[in-house]
Amino acid sequence: MAKKKVAYVCTDCGADHPKWQGQCASCGSWNTLSEFVTEPAASIGRSSDRTGYAGVLAEVQQLKDIVLEDTPRIQTGIGELDRVLGGGLVPGSAVLMGGHPGAGKSTLLLQAMCRLAEQHPCLYITGEESLSQVAMRADRLGLPKDKLRLAAETDVEQVLNLARREQPKILVVDSIQVMYLAALTSAPGSVAQVRESAAALTRYAKQTGTVLLLVGHVTKDGSLAGPKVLEHMIDCSLMLEGTADSRFRTLRGLKNRFGAVNELGVFAMLQEGMREVKNPSAIFLNRGEELAAGTLVTVVWEGTRSLLVELQALVDTSHFGNPRRVCVGLEQNRLAMLLAVLHRHGGVQVGDQDVFANVVGGVKVMETGADLALLLAVVASFRNRVLDRHLVVFGEVGLTGEIRPVPQGQERIAEAAKHGFKKAIVPLGNKPREAIPGMEVVAVSTLAQALEQL
């Protein structure tokens, strides 16, 4: 028998190390090396899903000779899910959906599979729940149950045998962390098991043209659990986010080889299951009758559409030697940088003040187009001034105080006008060539000019 070897794999980048060390030499992360036993190649090389490859060379072709075919996408029937996927499911693709416990991953997939099963052969593999539990959920949600095929299994070899027998067009595995290969001696959920199990399932999906949907767990910091190489194997990575005290869930595309990256879909968690929100800007702009100082609306671009969100800023006198900078839905380091720009080029000193910033609705603003709106909200709170309800602001702020244009400026202004806003402060580079009916557009090039408009 070949001798088994012990290796240490980084859970962030997937690099192998011969011995344990505190820091990964490849990515520089600390305390990310996990021990696992590597199997000899002969023990897993004769797996049933790898037969037929020994001694067969791949065909080499010229790039110009490759025939391009329009692959029809499979519509799930859930508009927001199709939007994040880039228009639907692509045959032969592998999709990984992650999220915190209770976010609604299994519920959303079960709803989609019950609808798809009426038109396509589908197979749902559950490894964490029993078949009766899945049936109870489907009955509670009122889903059609006469077409969907279910199986409770955690052995990857058995899952592949079931898939070859059933010949599904769409295969769901819930979840990848409980799957295991008998050829590996490590426990399910380890680095080796997750990597090899995902590789075997993805290989089957590519060979047969089956759509593979994997459910993944997340760590306490919100990242996908398992080795980083798992995200490189799959074609599309989705993250379902949402707090326990909110009934809204956001589905964000972190990686997509067949569509736009950072696309956002919004769902509402109701008693009947996940319901898509057609107009997410309306729920994020549920403002009160009387506005307080420090609130301002901005337009962010998420994937292929614009989204209106409300920014709130609170500036208060600090009672400690080190003023606090707290952000919810924004990047804290960027707030500190913008406050320095505000002091240097705007003449507003808040260095001795506590600054709190929040995005209403639990949305995470990842882009720099909200810089100008955040600074104007901070100034409004500091001066205790209530801004116009019909004012919308967007733009990127540079370190020299200039207001830089942002992508899709015309579409952002049009989205604001559609929701009844009458005045917009935008970068000079985003000024529309033609006047927009009912919208006054003020173009600024520096932070000082934007402050004068208030």
Protein backbone atom coordinates (compact mmCIF):
# COMPACT_ATOMS: atom_id res chain seq x y z
CA MET A 1 0.00 0.00 0.00
CA ALA A 2 1.13 3.52 -0.71
CA LYS A 3 1.92 5.58 2.33
CA LYS A 4 -0.53 8.33 3.26
CA LYS A 5 0.87 11.80 3.61
CA VAL A 6 -0.22 14.69 5.81
CA ALA A 7 -0.46 18.15 4.27
CA TYR A 8 -1.62 21.55 5.48
CA VAL A 9 -3.90 23.55 3.20
CA CYS A 10 -4.77 27.23 3.46
CA THR A 11 -8.54 27.68 3.63
CA ASP A 12 -8.27 31.11 1.98
CA CYS A 13 -6.14 30.41 -1.11
CA GLY A 14 -5.87 26.59 -1.17
CA ALA A 15 -2.06 26.48 -1.12
CA ASP A 16 -0.41 23.30 0.22
CA HIS A 17 2.31 23.34 2.89
CA PRO A 18 4.42 20.39 4.09
CA LYS A 19 4.15 21.44 7.75
CA TRP A 20 2.03 23.70 9.88
CA GLN A 21 2.96 27.35 10.21
CA GLY A 22 1.16 30.37 11.55
CA GLN A 23 1.08 32.33 8.29
CA CYS A 24 0.33 31.13 4.78
CA ALA A 25 3.34 31.76 2.54
CA SER A 26 1.14 32.29 -0.55
CA CYS A 27 -1.54 34.77 0.56
CA GLY A 28 -0.15 35.99 3.90
CA SER A 29 -3.25 35.06 5.95
CA TRP A 30 -2.76 34.03 9.57
CA ASN A 31 -4.09 30.86 11.22
CA THR A 32 -5.73 29.53 8.06
CA LEU A 33 -3.79 26.24 7.62
CA SER A 34 -5.86 23.08 8.16
CA GLU A 35 -4.46 19.56 8.38
CA PHE A 36 -5.75 16.80 6.12
CA VAL A 37 -4.50 13.44 4.92
CA THR A 38 -3.67 13.20 1.23
CA GLU A 39 -4.57 9.92 -0.43
CA PRO A 40 -2.36 8.16 -2.97
CA ALA A 41 -3.42 8.72 -6.55
CA ALA A 42 -4.30 5.05 -7.08
CA SER A 43 -6.95 5.07 -4.33
CA ILE A 44 -9.10 7.70 -5.95
CA GLY A 45 -7.89 7.54 -9.55
CA ARG A 46 -10.07 4.52 -10.36
CA SER A 47 -13.26 6.25 -9.29
CA SER A 48 -16.24 5.52 -11.50
CA ASP A 49 -16.54 9.14 -12.58
CA ARG A 50 -12.95 9.24 -13.84
CA THR A 51 -13.00 6.22 -16.12
CA GLY A 52 -12.34 6.68 -19.81
CA TYR A 53 -9.67 9.38 -19.48
CA ALA A 54 -6.49 7.30 -19.22
CA GLY A 55 -4.37 7.64 -22.33
CA VAL A 56 -6.86 9.88 -24.19
CA LEU A 57 -5.52 13.19 -25.44
CA ALA A 58 -7.75 16.21 -25.84
CA GLU A 59 -8.33 17.56 -29.32
CA VAL A 60 -6.48 20.75 -30.17
CA GLN A 61 -8.31 23.28 -32.35
CA GLN A 62 -7.75 26.72 -33.77
CA LEU A 63 -9.66 29.44 -31.98
CA LYS A 64 -11.29 30.56 -35.24
CA ASP A 65 -12.51 27.01 -35.97
CA ILE A 66 -14.53 26.67 -32.77
CA VAL A 67 -18.25 26.76 -33.54
CA LEU A 68 -20.21 29.05 -31.24
CA GLU A 69 -23.67 27.88 -30.31
CA ASP A 70 -26.36 29.89 -28.59
CA THR A 71 -27.09 27.94 -25.44
CA PRO A 72 -30.68 28.51 -24.32
CA ARG A 73 -30.98 29.41 -20.66
CA ILE A 74 -33.40 27.67 -18.34
CA GLN A 75 -35.76 30.15 -16.69
CA THR A 76 -36.43 29.42 -13.01
CA GLY A 77 -39.70 31.37 -12.91
CA ILE A 78 -38.31 33.66 -10.17
CA GLY A 79 -37.41 36.96 -11.80
CA GLU A 80 -34.91 38.20 -9.23
CA LEU A 81 -33.06 34.87 -9.22
CA ASP A 82 -32.88 34.86 -13.01
CA ARG A 83 -31.54 38.43 -12.94
CA VAL A 84 -28.68 37.53 -10.59
CA LEU A 85 -27.88 34.42 -12.64
CA GLY A 86 -27.59 36.56 -15.76
CA GLY A 87 -30.86 35.53 -17.39
CA GLY A 88 -31.34 31.98 -16.15
CA LEU A 89 -29.49 28.71 -15.62
CA VAL A 90 -26.90 27.67 -18.20
CA PRO A 91 -26.73 23.91 -18.99
CA GLY A 92 -23.49 22.38 -17.72
CA SER A 93 -22.83 25.18 -15.21
CA ALA A 94 -22.08 24.83 -11.51
CA VAL A 95 -23.70 27.37 -9.17
CA LEU A 96 -22.78 27.77 -5.51
CA MET A 97 -25.25 29.52 -3.18
CA GLY A 98 -24.03 30.53 0.27
CA GLY A 99 -25.58 32.30 3.22
CA HIS A 100 -26.00 32.36 6.96
CA PRO A 101 -28.19 29.73 8.68
CA GLY A 102 -31.83 30.69 8.30
CA ALA A 103 -31.23 33.09 5.41
CA GLY A 104 -33.51 31.05 3.14
CA LYS A 105 -31.12 29.15 0.83
CA SER A 106 -33.00 25.84 0.95
CA THR A 107 -36.37 27.59 0.77
CA LEU A 108 -35.44 29.57 -2.34
CA LEU A 109 -33.98 26.55 -4.10
CA LEU A 110 -36.96 24.36 -3.19
CA GLN A 111 -39.35 26.94 -4.63
CA ALA A 112 -37.32 27.16 -7.84
CA MET A 113 -36.98 23.37 -8.18
CA CYS A 114 -40.69 22.71 -7.68
CA ARG A 115 -41.45 25.11 -10.51
CA LEU A 116 -38.70 23.78 -12.78
CA ALA A 117 -39.72 20.16 -12.17
CA GLU A 118 -42.99 20.79 -14.01
CA GLN A 119 -41.04 21.32 -17.25
CA HIS A 120 -37.64 19.63 -16.75
CA PRO A 121 -36.42 16.49 -14.94
CA CYS A 122 -34.97 17.62 -11.59
CA LEU A 123 -33.27 15.81 -8.73
CA TYR A 124 -32.97 17.31 -5.23
CA ILE A 125 -30.31 15.69 -2.99
CA THR A 126 -30.70 16.61 0.68
CA GLY A 127 -27.92 15.75 3.07
CA GLU A 128 -28.90 17.86 6.06
CA GLU A 129 -32.64 17.22 6.22
CA SER A 130 -34.79 14.13 5.93
CA LEU A 131 -37.23 13.67 3.09
CA SER A 132 -40.16 14.26 5.42
CA GLN A 133 -38.74 17.60 6.53
CA VAL A 134 -38.39 18.75 2.92
CA ALA A 135 -41.95 17.57 2.19
CA MET A 136 -43.26 19.47 5.22
CA ARG A 137 -41.61 22.66 4.02
CA ALA A 138 -43.03 22.24 0.52
CA ASP A 139 -46.48 21.62 1.98
CA ARG A 140 -46.24 24.69 4.22
CA LEU A 141 -45.23 26.86 1.26
CA GLY A 142 -47.97 25.45 -0.95
CA LEU A 143 -45.61 24.25 -3.68
CA PRO A 144 -46.47 21.66 -6.35
CA LYS A 145 -45.07 18.31 -5.21
CA ASP A 146 -46.02 15.84 -7.93
CA LYS A 147 -42.98 16.26 -10.22
CA LEU A 148 -39.88 16.88 -8.07
CA ARG A 149 -37.67 13.83 -7.34
CA LEU A 150 -35.93 13.73 -3.91
CA ALA A 151 -33.21 11.62 -2.30
CA ALA A 152 -31.42 11.77 1.06
CA GLU A 153 -27.76 10.91 0.50
CA THR A 154 -24.32 12.17 1.55
CA ASP A 155 -22.03 9.77 -0.36
CA VAL A 156 -20.86 11.47 -3.55
CA GLU A 157 -20.47 8.16 -5.38
CA GLN A 158 -24.08 7.26 -4.61
CA VAL A 159 -25.22 10.74 -5.64
CA LEU A 160 -23.47 10.32 -9.00
CA ASN A 161 -25.02 6.86 -9.46
CA LEU A 162 -28.47 8.32 -8.73
CA ALA A 163 -27.84 11.13 -11.19
CA ARG A 164 -26.78 8.67 -13.93
CA ARG A 165 -29.92 6.63 -13.34
CA GLU A 166 -32.38 9.55 -13.12
CA GLN A 167 -30.72 11.67 -15.84
CA PRO A 168 -31.83 15.03 -14.35
CA LYS A 169 -31.41 18.28 -16.20
CA ILE A 170 -31.01 20.16 -12.91
CA LEU A 171 -29.28 18.68 -9.85
CA VAL A 172 -29.35 20.30 -6.38
CA VAL A 173 -26.95 19.19 -3.61
CA ASP A 174 -27.78 20.56 -0.15
CA SER A 175 -25.13 20.99 1.11
CA ILE A 176 -21.57 20.47 -0.13
CA GLN A 177 -20.17 20.53 3.44
CA VAL A 178 -21.91 17.24 4.38
CA MET A 179 -20.89 15.35 1.23
CA TYR A 180 -18.00 12.89 1.36
CA LEU A 181 -16.01 10.49 -0.78
CA ALA A 182 -15.40 7.05 0.69
CA ALA A 183 -11.90 6.97 -0.80
CA LEU A 184 -10.84 9.79 1.53
CA THR A 185 -10.48 9.08 5.24
CA SER A 186 -10.99 12.67 6.41
CA ALA A 187 -14.30 13.77 7.93
CA PRO A 188 -17.06 15.44 5.88
CA GLY A 189 -16.60 19.20 5.75
CA SER A 190 -12.81 19.03 5.79
CA VAL A 191 -10.70 20.73 3.15
CA ALA A 192 -9.98 17.52 1.27
CA GLN A 193 -13.58 16.27 1.28
CA VAL A 194 -15.10 19.58 0.16
CA ARG A 195 -12.53 20.02 -2.60
CA GLU A 196 -12.74 16.48 -4.00
CA SER A 197 -16.53 16.24 -3.63
CA ALA A 198 -17.09 19.51 -5.45
CA ALA A 199 -14.61 18.47 -8.15
CA ALA A 200 -16.40 15.16 -8.76
CA LEU A 201 -19.85 16.77 -8.92
CA THR A 202 -18.65 19.61 -11.16
CA ARG A 203 -16.95 17.14 -13.49
CA TYR A 204 -20.20 15.21 -13.87
CA ALA A 205 -22.11 18.44 -14.61
CA LYS A 206 -19.63 19.44 -17.35
CA GLN A 207 -19.65 16.01 -18.96
CA THR A 208 -23.43 15.60 -19.08
CA GLY A 209 -24.60 19.22 -19.47
CA THR A 210 -26.46 19.10 -16.16
CA VAL A 211 -27.08 22.25 -14.16
CA LEU A 212 -25.49 21.76 -10.72
CA LEU A 213 -26.71 23.85 -7.77
CA LEU A 214 -24.62 23.56 -4.60
CA VAL A 215 -25.56 24.95 -1.19
CA GLY A 216 -22.60 26.19 0.88
CA HIS A 217 -22.16 27.26 4.48
CA VAL A 218 -20.48 30.48 5.59
CA THR A 219 -18.05 31.22 8.37
CA LYS A 220 -18.65 33.64 11.23
CA ASP A 221 -17.14 36.51 9.23
CA GLY A 222 -19.58 35.91 6.36
CA SER A 223 -17.26 34.27 3.82
CA LEU A 224 -17.94 30.91 2.20
CA ALA A 225 -16.69 28.00 4.28
CA GLY A 226 -14.21 25.56 2.79
CA PRO A 227 -11.12 26.02 0.65
CA LYS A 228 -10.84 29.02 -1.62
CA VAL A 229 -10.34 26.69 -4.57
CA LEU A 230 -14.04 25.80 -4.24
CA GLU A 231 -14.99 29.21 -5.61
CA HIS A 232 -12.61 28.73 -8.56
CA MET A 233 -14.21 25.40 -9.54
CA ILE A 234 -17.74 26.70 -9.93
CA ASP A 235 -19.09 29.06 -12.60
CA CYS A 236 -21.37 31.22 -10.47
CA SER A 237 -21.15 32.15 -6.79
CA LEU A 238 -24.20 33.65 -5.07
CA MET A 239 -24.52 34.98 -1.54
CA LEU A 240 -27.89 35.28 0.19
CA GLU A 241 -27.69 37.99 2.85
CA GLY A 242 -30.13 39.25 5.44
CA THR A 243 -30.41 39.87 9.16
CA ALA A 244 -32.67 37.91 11.47
CA ASP A 245 -34.68 41.02 12.39
CA SER A 246 -35.40 41.95 8.78
CA ARG A 247 -37.83 40.25 6.45
CA PHE A 248 -35.87 41.30 3.37
CA ARG A 249 -33.11 39.21 1.82
CA THR A 250 -30.59 40.30 -0.81
CA LEU A 251 -29.07 37.83 -3.27
CA ARG A 252 -25.76 39.11 -4.63
CA GLY A 253 -23.70 37.59 -7.42
CA LEU A 254 -20.05 37.44 -6.35
CA LYS A 255 -18.85 35.58 -9.44
CA ASN A 256 -20.62 34.83 -12.71
CA ARG A 257 -19.05 33.54 -15.91
CA PHE A 258 -22.33 33.96 -17.78
CA GLY A 259 -23.58 37.34 -16.53
CA ALA A 260 -22.88 40.56 -14.68
CA VAL A 261 -20.90 40.42 -11.45
CA ASN A 262 -22.26 42.11 -8.32
CA GLU A 263 -25.83 41.81 -9.56
CA LEU A 264 -28.39 42.23 -6.79
CA GLY A 265 -31.76 40.58 -6.28
CA VAL A 266 -34.15 41.46 -3.46
CA PHE A 267 -36.57 39.05 -1.80
CA ALA A 268 -39.06 39.30 1.03
CA MET A 269 -39.23 36.40 3.49
CA LEU A 270 -42.92 35.77 4.09
CA GLN A 271 -44.92 32.91 5.54
CA GLU A 272 -45.46 31.62 2.00
CA GLY A 273 -41.70 31.58 1.32
CA MET A 274 -39.38 33.90 -0.58
CA ARG A 275 -41.20 36.47 -2.67
CA GLU A 276 -39.33 38.62 -5.17
CA VAL A 277 -39.45 42.40 -4.81
CA LYS A 278 -40.11 43.96 -8.22
CA ASN A 279 -39.20 47.53 -7.23
CA PRO A 280 -36.57 47.43 -4.46
CA SER A 281 -36.03 51.20 -4.53
CA ALA A 282 -39.56 51.69 -3.17
CA ILE A 283 -38.91 49.65 -0.01
CA PHE A 284 -35.54 51.27 0.66
CA LEU A 285 -37.06 54.75 0.31
CA ASN A 286 -39.82 54.29 2.85
CA ARG A 287 -39.14 57.66 4.48
CA GLY A 288 -41.15 59.33 7.20
CA GLU A 289 -43.30 62.43 6.90
CA GLU A 290 -40.80 64.61 8.75
CA LEU A 291 -37.15 64.30 7.78
CA ALA A 292 -34.34 64.75 10.26
CA ALA A 293 -30.99 66.38 9.65
CA GLY A 294 -28.41 64.06 8.11
CA THR A 295 -30.56 62.01 5.71
CA LEU A 296 -29.95 62.01 1.98
CA VAL A 297 -30.83 59.75 -0.96
CA THR A 298 -28.19 58.44 -3.36
CA VAL A 299 -28.30 56.18 -6.42
CA VAL A 300 -26.02 53.14 -6.51
CA TRP A 301 -25.45 50.84 -9.47
CA GLU A 302 -25.88 47.15 -8.73
CA GLY A 303 -24.99 44.85 -11.61
CA THR A 304 -27.28 45.96 -14.44
CA ARG A 305 -29.71 48.27 -12.67
CA SER A 306 -29.75 51.36 -10.47
CA LEU A 307 -31.00 51.34 -6.90
CA LEU A 308 -32.06 54.27 -4.73
CA VAL A 309 -31.04 54.01 -1.09
CA GLU A 310 -31.16 56.40 1.84
CA LEU A 311 -27.97 57.34 3.68
CA GLN A 312 -28.12 58.52 7.28
CA ALA A 313 -25.34 60.32 9.12
CA LEU A 314 -25.17 61.35 12.76
CA VAL A 315 -22.47 63.71 14.04
CA ASP A 316 -22.25 64.17 17.81
CA THR A 317 -19.73 65.60 20.24
CA SER A 318 -17.27 62.98 21.39
CA HIS A 319 -16.88 62.51 25.13
CA PHE A 320 -13.71 60.46 24.77
CA GLY A 321 -10.23 61.21 23.55
CA ASN A 322 -10.60 59.08 20.43
CA PRO A 323 -13.71 59.98 18.37
CA ARG A 324 -15.63 57.02 17.00
CA ARG A 325 -16.20 56.21 13.31
CA VAL A 326 -18.98 53.63 12.95
CA CYS A 327 -20.38 52.42 9.61
CA VAL A 328 -23.26 50.07 8.85
CA GLY A 329 -23.45 49.06 5.18
CA LEU A 330 -20.43 51.21 4.27
CA GLU A 331 -16.65 50.84 4.48
CA GLN A 332 -15.25 52.32 7.66
CA ASN A 333 -11.79 53.09 6.27
CA ARG A 334 -13.30 55.02 3.38
CA LEU A 335 -15.37 57.11 5.80
CA ALA A 336 -12.20 58.15 7.66
CA MET A 337 -10.57 59.12 4.36
CA LEU A 338 -13.59 61.14 3.23
CA LEU A 339 -13.70 63.02 6.52
CA ALA A 340 -10.08 64.04 5.97
CA VAL A 341 -10.98 65.30 2.48
CA LEU A 342 -13.93 67.20 3.98
CA HIS A 343 -11.62 69.00 6.39
CA ARG A 344 -8.90 69.78 3.87
CA HIS A 345 -10.97 70.80 0.85
CA GLY A 346 -14.37 71.58 2.37
CA GLY A 347 -13.35 73.53 5.44
CA VAL A 348 -15.52 71.45 7.80
CA GLN A 349 -13.73 70.05 10.84
CA VAL A 350 -15.34 67.02 12.47
CA GLY A 351 -12.16 65.52 13.90
CA ASP A 352 -13.42 65.93 17.46
CA GLN A 353 -16.89 64.54 16.68
CA ASP A 354 -18.30 61.01 16.70
CA VAL A 355 -19.51 60.15 13.19
CA PHE A 356 -22.04 57.37 12.58
CA ALA A 357 -23.12 56.36 9.07
CA ASN A 358 -25.89 53.95 8.11
CA VAL A 359 -27.56 52.63 4.94
CA VAL A 360 -31.29 52.17 5.50
CA GLY A 361 -32.75 48.76 4.69
CA GLY A 362 -29.68 46.64 5.35
CA VAL A 363 -28.16 47.23 1.91
CA LYS A 364 -24.37 47.12 1.59
CA VAL A 365 -23.01 49.89 -0.63
CA MET A 366 -19.86 48.52 -2.26
CA GLU A 367 -19.13 51.27 -4.81
CA THR A 368 -17.60 54.75 -4.54
CA GLY A 369 -20.57 56.52 -6.15
CA ALA A 370 -22.04 57.25 -2.70
CA ASP A 371 -19.02 59.31 -1.51
CA LEU A 372 -20.51 62.74 -2.21
CA ALA A 373 -23.90 61.87 -0.71
CA LEU A 374 -22.22 60.57 2.45
CA LEU A 375 -20.18 63.74 2.93
CA LEU A 376 -23.19 66.00 2.35
CA ALA A 377 -25.22 63.98 4.87
CA VAL A 378 -22.39 64.36 7.41
CA VAL A 379 -22.29 68.14 6.87
CA ALA A 380 -26.09 68.38 7.15
CA SER A 381 -26.05 66.52 10.46
CA PHE A 382 -23.12 68.59 11.75
CA ARG A 383 -24.87 71.87 10.85
CA ASN A 384 -28.29 70.48 11.90
CA ARG A 385 -29.83 71.31 8.53
CA VAL A 386 -32.66 69.32 6.93
CA LEU A 387 -32.04 68.75 3.23
CA ASP A 388 -34.68 68.85 0.53
CA ARG A 389 -36.81 65.71 0.34
CA HIS A 390 -36.63 65.73 -3.46
CA LEU A 391 -32.81 65.95 -3.62
CA VAL A 392 -30.66 63.07 -4.84
CA VAL A 393 -26.85 63.07 -4.89
CA PHE A 394 -24.17 60.77 -6.28
CA GLY A 395 -20.50 61.07 -7.22
CA GLU A 396 -17.03 59.87 -6.28
CA VAL A 397 -14.82 62.12 -4.16
CA GLY A 398 -11.07 62.14 -4.80
CA LEU A 399 -8.31 62.95 -2.35
CA THR A 400 -7.77 66.35 -3.97
CA GLY A 401 -11.41 67.32 -3.47
CA GLU A 402 -12.51 66.78 -7.08
CA ILE A 403 -15.83 65.12 -7.86
CA ARG A 404 -15.19 62.30 -10.30
CA PRO A 405 -17.86 60.84 -12.63
CA VAL A 406 -19.32 57.41 -11.99
CA PRO A 407 -20.50 54.76 -14.49
CA GLN A 408 -24.09 54.78 -15.78
CA GLY A 409 -24.76 58.37 -14.70
CA GLN A 410 -27.60 58.91 -17.19
CA GLU A 411 -29.44 55.81 -15.98
CA ARG A 412 -29.08 56.88 -12.34
CA ILE A 413 -30.63 60.27 -13.02
CA ALA A 414 -33.48 58.67 -14.96
CA GLU A 415 -34.17 56.25 -12.09
CA ALA A 416 -34.31 59.16 -9.61
CA ALA A 417 -36.68 61.11 -11.86
CA LYS A 418 -38.94 58.07 -12.15
CA HIS A 419 -39.35 58.03 -8.35
CA GLY A 420 -40.33 61.69 -8.13
CA PHE A 421 -37.03 63.42 -7.33
CA LYS A 422 -36.75 66.93 -8.73
CA LYS A 423 -33.13 67.98 -8.11
CA ALA A 424 -29.86 66.09 -8.52
CA ILE A 425 -26.29 67.05 -7.64
CA VAL A 426 -24.04 65.03 -9.94
CA PRO A 427 -20.42 65.13 -11.17
CA LEU A 428 -19.69 67.38 -14.12
CA GLY A 429 -18.78 64.36 -16.24
CA ASN A 430 -22.24 62.84 -15.67
CA LYS A 431 -24.24 65.90 -16.72
CA PRO A 432 -26.84 64.80 -19.30
CA ARG A 433 -26.67 66.34 -22.74
CA GLU A 434 -30.41 66.84 -22.90
CA ALA A 435 -32.64 68.19 -20.16
CA ILE A 436 -34.70 65.65 -18.24
CA PRO A 437 -38.34 66.74 -17.77
CA GLY A 438 -39.10 67.60 -14.14
CA MET A 439 -35.48 67.19 -13.01
CA GLU A 440 -33.04 69.99 -12.20
CA VAL A 441 -29.50 68.67 -12.63
CA VAL A 442 -26.68 70.58 -10.93
CA ALA A 443 -23.21 69.51 -12.11
CA VAL A 444 -20.25 70.12 -9.78
CA SER A 445 -16.55 69.46 -10.20
CA THR A 446 -15.22 70.07 -6.67
CA LEU A 447 -16.39 69.38 -3.13
CA ALA A 448 -16.53 73.10 -2.41
CA GLN A 449 -19.05 73.63 -5.23
CA ALA A 450 -21.21 70.81 -3.90
CA LEU A 451 -21.25 72.36 -0.41
CA GLU A 452 -22.28 75.70 -1.91
CA GLN A 453 -25.36 74.04 -3.46
CA LEU A 454 -26.63 73.10 0.00
